[in-house]
Amino acid sequence: TLSYKRHKPSAFGLLWATLLFSIFPLFYCSASCPSSCQCNPHGEVICVGYTITEIPKNLPVHTYTLKLNDTNMNVIKEHSLAHQDLLLRFSLTHSHLHTIHDLAFHAAPQLKSVKLSSNDLSTLPARVFSPLTTVEEIYLDGNQLETLAPEMFEGLAALLVLDLTRNKLTGPGAGIFDGLTNLTVLNLGRNNIKKFPKNIFHSLTKLRRLRVYNNELESLEEGIFDQLTSLEELILHGNKIEGIAPQVFWSLGKLKILTLSGNHLQTVPHKSFYNMILNLSKNPWDCNCAIRDFARWIRNNPRIVVDIDDVLCHSPTYHVLLAAIAGLCDCSNVANVLHFAL
């Protein structure tokens, strides 16, 4: 009878086998990766180049993230996203995108993130995002949007982040954020917003960050933020705000950061703020007796206003808030008023 000896694999053989299996995904990925793209074994595909006019064909089957950057794909057609059943994150940026077909996202309703930043979008179909019922992030920053249909985000209850920075919006319409009950970040910075409808934020009870910097806001009306009970950060610098309702921030019990620098504020009710971090510089503060109580409050809360050394009086003269505050109690002497500045 023949006998066979069982040989243990050599150390070299084990090393070779391990190396082969470890690089196999790379061979697989590169073999199915379009020439204009880079693919990795984790399901991410990155495509760059002005010769790209549509989503490259023959993408790896297991593509979870698709990033198209600096391309010439200026239209997302009805079937552009077809056959991408596993795609979760889609990004098309810096590509002069100007048109999206009404049904473009019907082919990929499973998307969790859509990023269309830095393009040429001036308008969007009213319900273009409606198939994306589980989407968590939408980035439309850096476009040319002037208006948004009231039903634009209808049905997107899973949405967590909405970025509309650097557009030309003059004001979100009433009801546009209704139903976004899980939204945590809303960025409206660098637009042309002059005023908000009264109940614009009433559904956003989980919102933590609201950024409306560098717009055209002129006032903050009482009740506008009443439903934002989870808000931690409110960024309002670089507007034209002249007045603040006395209790406009009172419902924001969790607010930690509030920026009001670079507005047109001359005075504010002294009970407007609680224990939050404030930025108040670059406002034309009117340092007369009417501001006395507010000045005292700042004096008693020195850690609240982080830019206190840059908070200056516009009238009657330019001064930084000084250590001496005794003169605030006697407004009969104008010279005493000049001892402080806001």
Protein backbone atom coordinates (compact mmCIF):
# COMPACT_ATOMS: atom_id res chain seq x y z
CA THR A 1 0.00 0.00 0.00
CA LEU A 2 1.05 3.50 -0.67
CA SER A 3 1.39 5.88 2.22
CA TYR A 4 1.17 9.63 1.93
CA LYS A 5 2.90 12.04 4.23
CA ARG A 6 1.06 15.19 5.14
CA HIS A 7 3.38 18.13 4.79
CA LYS A 8 2.86 21.33 6.71
CA PRO A 9 2.86 24.39 4.47
CA SER A 10 6.13 26.27 4.60
CA ALA A 11 6.34 29.72 6.11
CA PHE A 12 7.08 31.10 2.65
CA GLY A 13 3.96 29.45 1.26
CA LEU A 14 1.78 30.93 3.99
CA LEU A 15 3.26 34.35 3.42
CA TRP A 16 2.61 34.14 -0.32
CA ALA A 17 -0.98 32.99 0.17
CA THR A 18 -1.65 35.78 2.66
CA LEU A 19 -0.20 38.38 0.30
CA LEU A 20 -2.21 37.04 -2.63
CA PHE A 21 -5.52 37.17 -0.80
CA SER A 22 -4.79 40.61 0.65
CA ILE A 23 -4.17 42.21 -2.74
CA PHE A 24 -6.88 40.31 -4.60
CA PRO A 25 -9.51 43.01 -3.92
CA LEU A 26 -7.17 45.59 -5.43
CA PHE A 27 -6.76 43.54 -8.61
CA TYR A 28 -10.50 43.06 -8.74
CA CYS A 29 -11.20 46.72 -8.19
CA SER A 30 -8.67 48.03 -10.69
CA ALA A 31 -9.88 45.56 -13.29
CA SER A 32 -13.41 46.98 -13.13
CA CYS A 33 -12.52 50.64 -12.53
CA PRO A 34 -13.01 53.19 -15.35
CA SER A 35 -9.85 54.85 -16.62
CA SER A 36 -10.88 58.30 -15.38
CA CYS A 37 -11.54 57.06 -11.85
CA GLN A 38 -9.82 55.68 -8.79
CA CYS A 39 -11.49 52.79 -7.00
CA ASN A 40 -10.68 51.31 -3.63
CA PRO A 41 -11.74 47.99 -2.10
CA HIS A 42 -13.99 49.78 0.40
CA GLY A 43 -16.51 50.72 -2.28
CA GLU A 44 -15.41 54.30 -2.91
CA VAL A 45 -14.99 55.57 -6.48
CA ILE A 46 -13.50 59.00 -7.22
CA CYS A 47 -13.66 60.37 -10.77
CA VAL A 48 -11.98 63.63 -11.81
CA GLY A 49 -11.63 65.28 -15.18
CA TYR A 50 -13.29 67.65 -17.61
CA THR A 51 -13.74 64.89 -20.17
CA ILE A 52 -16.34 63.25 -17.91
CA THR A 53 -19.82 64.18 -19.18
CA GLU A 54 -21.84 61.43 -17.49
CA ILE A 55 -21.44 58.83 -14.79
CA PRO A 56 -18.75 56.43 -16.03
CA LYS A 57 -19.95 53.00 -17.04
CA ASN A 58 -18.61 49.71 -15.69
CA LEU A 59 -18.26 50.93 -12.12
CA PRO A 60 -17.47 48.21 -9.58
CA VAL A 61 -20.59 46.33 -8.54
CA HIS A 62 -20.05 47.18 -4.89
CA THR A 63 -19.85 50.97 -5.27
CA TYR A 64 -21.15 52.61 -2.10
CA THR A 65 -19.62 56.09 -2.54
CA LEU A 66 -19.31 57.91 -5.87
CA LYS A 67 -17.50 61.26 -6.03
CA LEU A 68 -17.35 63.23 -9.28
CA ASN A 69 -15.25 66.40 -9.13
CA ASP A 70 -14.20 69.01 -11.72
CA THR A 71 -16.11 67.26 -14.48
CA ASN A 72 -18.20 68.46 -17.40
CA MET A 73 -21.31 66.61 -16.25
CA ASN A 74 -23.69 69.57 -16.27
CA VAL A 75 -26.92 67.53 -16.40
CA ILE A 76 -28.17 64.70 -14.20
CA LYS A 77 -30.50 62.82 -16.50
CA GLU A 78 -33.45 60.60 -15.64
CA HIS A 79 -31.37 57.41 -15.81
CA SER A 80 -27.95 58.77 -14.84
CA LEU A 81 -28.04 56.92 -11.52
CA ALA A 82 -29.61 53.73 -12.87
CA HIS A 83 -28.07 50.37 -11.94
CA GLN A 84 -26.38 51.79 -8.83
CA ASP A 85 -28.46 49.78 -6.39
CA LEU A 86 -25.85 49.82 -3.61
CA LEU A 87 -24.88 53.48 -3.92
CA LEU A 88 -25.30 55.36 -0.63
CA ARG A 89 -23.29 58.57 -1.09
CA PHE A 90 -23.34 60.57 -4.32
CA SER A 91 -21.24 63.70 -4.85
CA LEU A 92 -21.05 65.87 -7.98
CA THR A 93 -19.09 69.07 -7.29
CA HIS A 94 -17.33 71.82 -9.27
CA SER A 95 -18.87 70.51 -12.48
CA HIS A 96 -21.01 73.39 -13.85
CA LEU A 97 -24.12 71.33 -13.13
CA HIS A 98 -27.16 73.38 -14.16
CA THR A 99 -29.99 70.86 -14.68
CA ILE A 100 -31.42 67.92 -12.76
CA HIS A 101 -34.20 65.84 -14.29
CA ASP A 102 -37.40 65.66 -12.22
CA LEU A 103 -37.03 61.87 -11.86
CA ALA A 104 -33.25 61.72 -11.51
CA PHE A 105 -33.27 60.28 -7.99
CA HIS A 106 -36.02 57.74 -8.61
CA ALA A 107 -33.25 55.43 -9.82
CA ALA A 108 -31.42 55.58 -6.47
CA PRO A 109 -33.94 56.02 -3.64
CA GLN A 110 -31.54 54.38 -1.18
CA LEU A 111 -29.12 57.33 -1.14
CA LYS A 112 -28.09 58.61 2.29
CA SER A 113 -26.04 61.60 1.15
CA VAL A 114 -26.33 63.90 -1.88
CA LYS A 115 -23.69 66.57 -2.42
CA LEU A 116 -24.10 69.00 -5.34
CA SER A 117 -21.84 71.79 -4.08
CA SER A 118 -20.18 74.51 -6.16
CA ASN A 119 -22.20 74.18 -9.35
CA ASP A 120 -24.47 76.40 -11.47
CA LEU A 121 -27.90 75.32 -10.26
CA SER A 122 -30.32 78.25 -10.40
CA THR A 123 -33.51 76.23 -10.05
CA LEU A 124 -34.58 72.75 -8.95
CA PRO A 125 -37.65 70.66 -9.79
CA ALA A 126 -40.15 71.03 -6.96
CA ARG A 127 -40.08 67.42 -5.77
CA VAL A 128 -36.74 66.27 -7.12
CA PHE A 129 -35.67 64.86 -3.74
CA SER A 130 -38.99 63.20 -2.87
CA PRO A 131 -37.83 59.61 -3.61
CA LEU A 132 -35.02 59.96 -1.06
CA THR A 133 -37.10 59.14 2.00
CA THR A 134 -34.05 57.93 3.98
CA VAL A 135 -31.56 60.60 2.89
CA GLU A 136 -29.61 62.12 5.80
CA GLU A 137 -27.51 64.82 4.13
CA ILE A 138 -28.18 67.25 1.27
CA TYR A 139 -25.53 69.78 0.26
CA LEU A 140 -26.56 72.49 -2.22
CA ASP A 141 -24.01 75.10 -1.17
CA GLY A 142 -22.22 77.25 -3.71
CA ASN A 143 -24.92 77.40 -6.37
CA GLN A 144 -27.14 80.15 -7.83
CA LEU A 145 -30.46 79.24 -6.20
CA GLU A 146 -32.81 82.20 -5.71
CA THR A 147 -35.99 80.40 -4.66
CA LEU A 148 -37.00 76.95 -3.48
CA ALA A 149 -40.41 75.37 -3.95
CA PRO A 150 -42.38 74.99 -0.69
CA GLU A 151 -42.52 71.20 -1.19
CA MET A 152 -38.80 70.87 -2.00
CA PHE A 153 -37.96 68.86 1.14
CA GLU A 154 -41.37 67.35 1.79
CA GLY A 155 -41.24 63.78 3.10
CA LEU A 156 -37.55 63.88 4.04
CA ALA A 157 -38.09 63.10 7.71
CA ALA A 158 -34.70 61.36 8.01
CA LEU A 159 -32.74 64.44 6.91
CA LEU A 160 -30.08 65.50 9.43
CA VAL A 161 -27.98 68.07 7.54
CA LEU A 162 -29.15 70.66 4.99
CA ASP A 163 -26.57 73.06 3.56
CA LEU A 164 -27.77 75.99 1.42
CA THR A 165 -24.76 78.25 1.95
CA ARG A 166 -23.56 80.61 -0.79
CA ASN A 167 -26.67 80.88 -2.90
CA LYS A 168 -28.93 83.83 -3.76
CA LEU A 169 -31.93 83.00 -1.59
CA THR A 170 -33.94 86.04 -0.55
CA GLY A 171 -36.00 84.10 1.95
CA PRO A 172 -37.12 80.51 2.45
CA GLY A 173 -40.86 80.25 1.86
CA ALA A 174 -43.32 79.47 4.63
CA GLY A 175 -43.52 75.75 5.32
CA ILE A 176 -40.39 74.76 3.42
CA PHE A 177 -38.84 73.11 6.50
CA ASP A 178 -42.07 71.52 7.73
CA GLY A 179 -41.61 67.84 8.41
CA LEU A 180 -37.82 67.98 8.87
CA THR A 181 -38.29 66.83 12.43
CA ASN A 182 -34.85 65.21 12.72
CA LEU A 183 -32.79 68.01 11.19
CA THR A 184 -29.78 68.90 13.36
CA VAL A 185 -27.80 71.28 11.11
CA LEU A 186 -29.26 74.02 8.87
CA ASN A 187 -26.83 76.29 7.06
CA LEU A 188 -28.24 79.36 5.30
CA GLY A 189 -25.11 81.53 5.40
CA ARG A 190 -24.09 83.89 2.59
CA ASN A 191 -27.47 84.40 0.96
CA ASN A 192 -29.71 87.45 0.57
CA ILE A 193 -32.30 86.59 3.22
CA LYS A 194 -34.06 89.67 4.58
CA LYS A 195 -36.78 88.15 6.72
CA PHE A 196 -38.10 84.80 7.90
CA PRO A 197 -41.78 83.82 7.87
CA LYS A 198 -43.15 83.67 11.40
CA ASN A 199 -43.31 79.88 11.83
CA ILE A 200 -40.45 78.94 9.53
CA PHE A 201 -38.62 76.90 12.19
CA HIS A 202 -41.55 75.43 14.13
CA SER A 203 -40.85 71.80 13.08
CA LEU A 204 -37.12 71.89 13.84
CA THR A 205 -37.24 70.82 17.46
CA LYS A 206 -34.02 68.77 17.14
CA LEU A 207 -32.00 71.46 15.38
CA ARG A 208 -28.65 72.06 17.09
CA ARG A 209 -26.87 74.40 14.68
CA LEU A 210 -28.50 77.26 12.75
CA ARG A 211 -26.20 79.41 10.64
CA VAL A 212 -27.61 82.52 8.97
CA TYR A 213 -24.45 84.63 8.77
CA ASN A 214 -23.77 87.19 6.01
CA ASN A 215 -27.36 87.79 4.94
CA GLU A 216 -29.64 90.85 4.88
CA LEU A 217 -31.64 90.28 8.09
CA GLU A 218 -32.79 93.55 9.66
CA SER A 219 -34.59 92.36 12.78
CA LEU A 220 -35.28 89.36 14.99
CA GLU A 221 -38.94 89.19 15.82
CA GLU A 222 -40.27 87.72 19.04
CA GLY A 223 -41.16 84.04 18.76
CA ILE A 224 -39.07 83.30 15.66
CA PHE A 225 -36.85 80.83 17.57
CA ASP A 226 -39.37 79.57 20.14
CA GLN A 227 -39.50 75.96 18.88
CA LEU A 228 -35.73 75.54 18.59
CA THR A 229 -35.41 74.10 22.07
CA SER A 230 -32.39 71.92 21.17
CA LEU A 231 -30.39 74.73 19.55
CA GLU A 232 -26.77 74.99 20.71
CA GLU A 233 -25.27 77.32 18.09
CA LEU A 234 -26.88 80.36 16.45
CA ILE A 235 -24.67 82.21 13.96
CA LEU A 236 -26.06 85.61 12.93
CA HIS A 237 -23.00 87.76 12.29
CA GLY A 238 -22.68 89.89 9.18
CA ASN A 239 -26.34 90.88 8.82
CA LYS A 240 -28.12 94.24 9.15
CA ILE A 241 -29.95 93.55 12.39
CA GLU A 242 -30.98 96.81 14.07
CA GLY A 243 -33.29 95.50 16.75
CA ILE A 244 -33.84 92.42 18.88
CA ALA A 245 -37.12 91.58 20.59
CA PRO A 246 -36.60 91.42 24.39
CA GLN A 247 -37.36 87.71 24.74
CA VAL A 248 -36.29 86.41 21.33
CA PHE A 249 -33.64 84.07 22.80
CA TRP A 250 -35.42 83.08 26.02
CA SER A 251 -36.65 79.70 24.80
CA LEU A 252 -33.14 78.63 23.75
CA GLY A 253 -32.17 77.01 27.02
CA LYS A 254 -29.39 74.92 25.44
CA LEU A 255 -27.83 77.72 23.40
CA LYS A 256 -24.07 77.91 23.93
CA ILE A 257 -22.81 80.11 21.09
CA LEU A 258 -24.45 83.24 19.66
CA THR A 259 -22.70 85.54 17.18
CA LEU A 260 -24.15 89.00 16.55
CA SER A 261 -21.01 90.81 15.42
CA GLY A 262 -21.05 92.91 12.27
CA ASN A 263 -24.69 94.00 12.50
CA HIS A 264 -26.37 97.40 13.01
CA LEU A 265 -27.16 97.04 16.71
CA GLN A 266 -27.05 100.21 18.81
CA THR A 267 -28.54 98.76 21.97
CA VAL A 268 -30.29 95.62 23.18
CA PRO A 269 -32.54 94.82 26.15
CA HIS A 270 -30.22 93.87 29.01
CA LYS A 271 -32.11 90.63 29.76
CA SER A 272 -31.76 89.29 26.23
CA PHE A 273 -29.02 86.76 26.98
CA TYR A 274 -28.22 84.00 29.44
CA ASN A 275 -25.08 81.90 29.96
CA MET A 276 -23.89 81.67 26.39
CA ILE A 277 -20.81 82.74 24.46
CA LEU A 278 -21.43 86.04 22.64
CA ASN A 279 -19.75 87.94 19.81
CA LEU A 280 -20.85 91.58 19.73
CA SER A 281 -18.08 93.53 17.98
CA LYS A 282 -18.47 95.61 14.80
CA ASN A 283 -21.84 97.06 15.81
CA PRO A 284 -22.50 100.84 16.06
CA TRP A 285 -23.30 100.79 19.79
CA ASP A 286 -24.93 103.96 21.10
CA CYS A 287 -23.31 104.46 24.50
CA ASN A 288 -25.89 106.61 26.23
CA CYS A 289 -27.90 106.00 29.37
CA ALA A 290 -30.27 103.58 27.65
CA ILE A 291 -27.50 101.02 27.39
CA ARG A 292 -26.52 101.26 31.05
CA ASP A 293 -28.21 98.05 32.26
CA PHE A 294 -26.81 96.04 29.39
CA ALA A 295 -23.32 97.39 30.12
CA ARG A 296 -23.68 96.38 33.76
CA TRP A 297 -24.71 92.90 32.73
CA ILE A 298 -21.61 92.53 30.56
CA ARG A 299 -19.50 93.89 33.41
CA ASN A 300 -20.90 91.22 35.73
CA ASN A 301 -20.44 88.43 33.16
CA PRO A 302 -16.92 89.00 31.82
CA ARG A 303 -16.58 85.56 30.23
CA ILE A 304 -19.73 85.86 28.17
CA VAL A 305 -18.59 88.36 25.52
CA VAL A 306 -15.47 86.82 23.98
CA ASP A 307 -14.65 89.84 21.78
CA ILE A 308 -15.16 92.46 24.51
CA ASP A 309 -11.94 94.31 23.63
CA ASP A 310 -13.28 94.93 20.13
CA VAL A 311 -16.75 96.09 21.17
CA LEU A 312 -16.71 99.83 20.55
CA CYS A 313 -19.02 102.79 20.98
CA HIS A 314 -20.05 104.47 17.77
CA SER A 315 -21.65 107.32 19.68
CA PRO A 316 -20.73 109.53 21.45
CA THR A 317 -17.15 108.41 20.80
CA TYR A 318 -15.07 105.33 20.12
CA HIS A 319 -14.00 103.59 23.33
CA VAL A 320 -13.52 100.04 24.44
CA LEU A 321 -15.47 98.94 27.50
CA LEU A 322 -13.28 100.09 30.38
CA ALA A 323 -12.81 98.54 33.77
CA ALA A 324 -14.38 101.52 35.54
CA ILE A 325 -18.16 101.34 35.48
CA ALA A 326 -19.15 103.69 38.27
CA GLY A 327 -19.97 106.45 35.82
CA LEU A 328 -22.85 104.43 34.41
CA CYS A 329 -24.94 105.23 37.44
CA ASP A 330 -24.86 108.97 36.84
CA CYS A 331 -26.05 109.88 33.42
CA SER A 332 -26.44 113.53 34.28
CA ASN A 333 -22.78 113.97 33.53
CA VAL A 334 -22.00 113.24 29.89
CA ALA A 335 -18.33 112.91 30.74
CA ASN A 336 -19.16 109.92 32.92
CA VAL A 337 -20.90 108.19 30.03
CA LEU A 338 -17.68 108.32 28.05
CA HIS A 339 -16.03 106.08 30.66
CA PHE A 340 -17.58 103.01 29.10
CA ALA A 341 -18.02 101.65 25.64
CA LEU A 342 -20.01 98.91 24.08
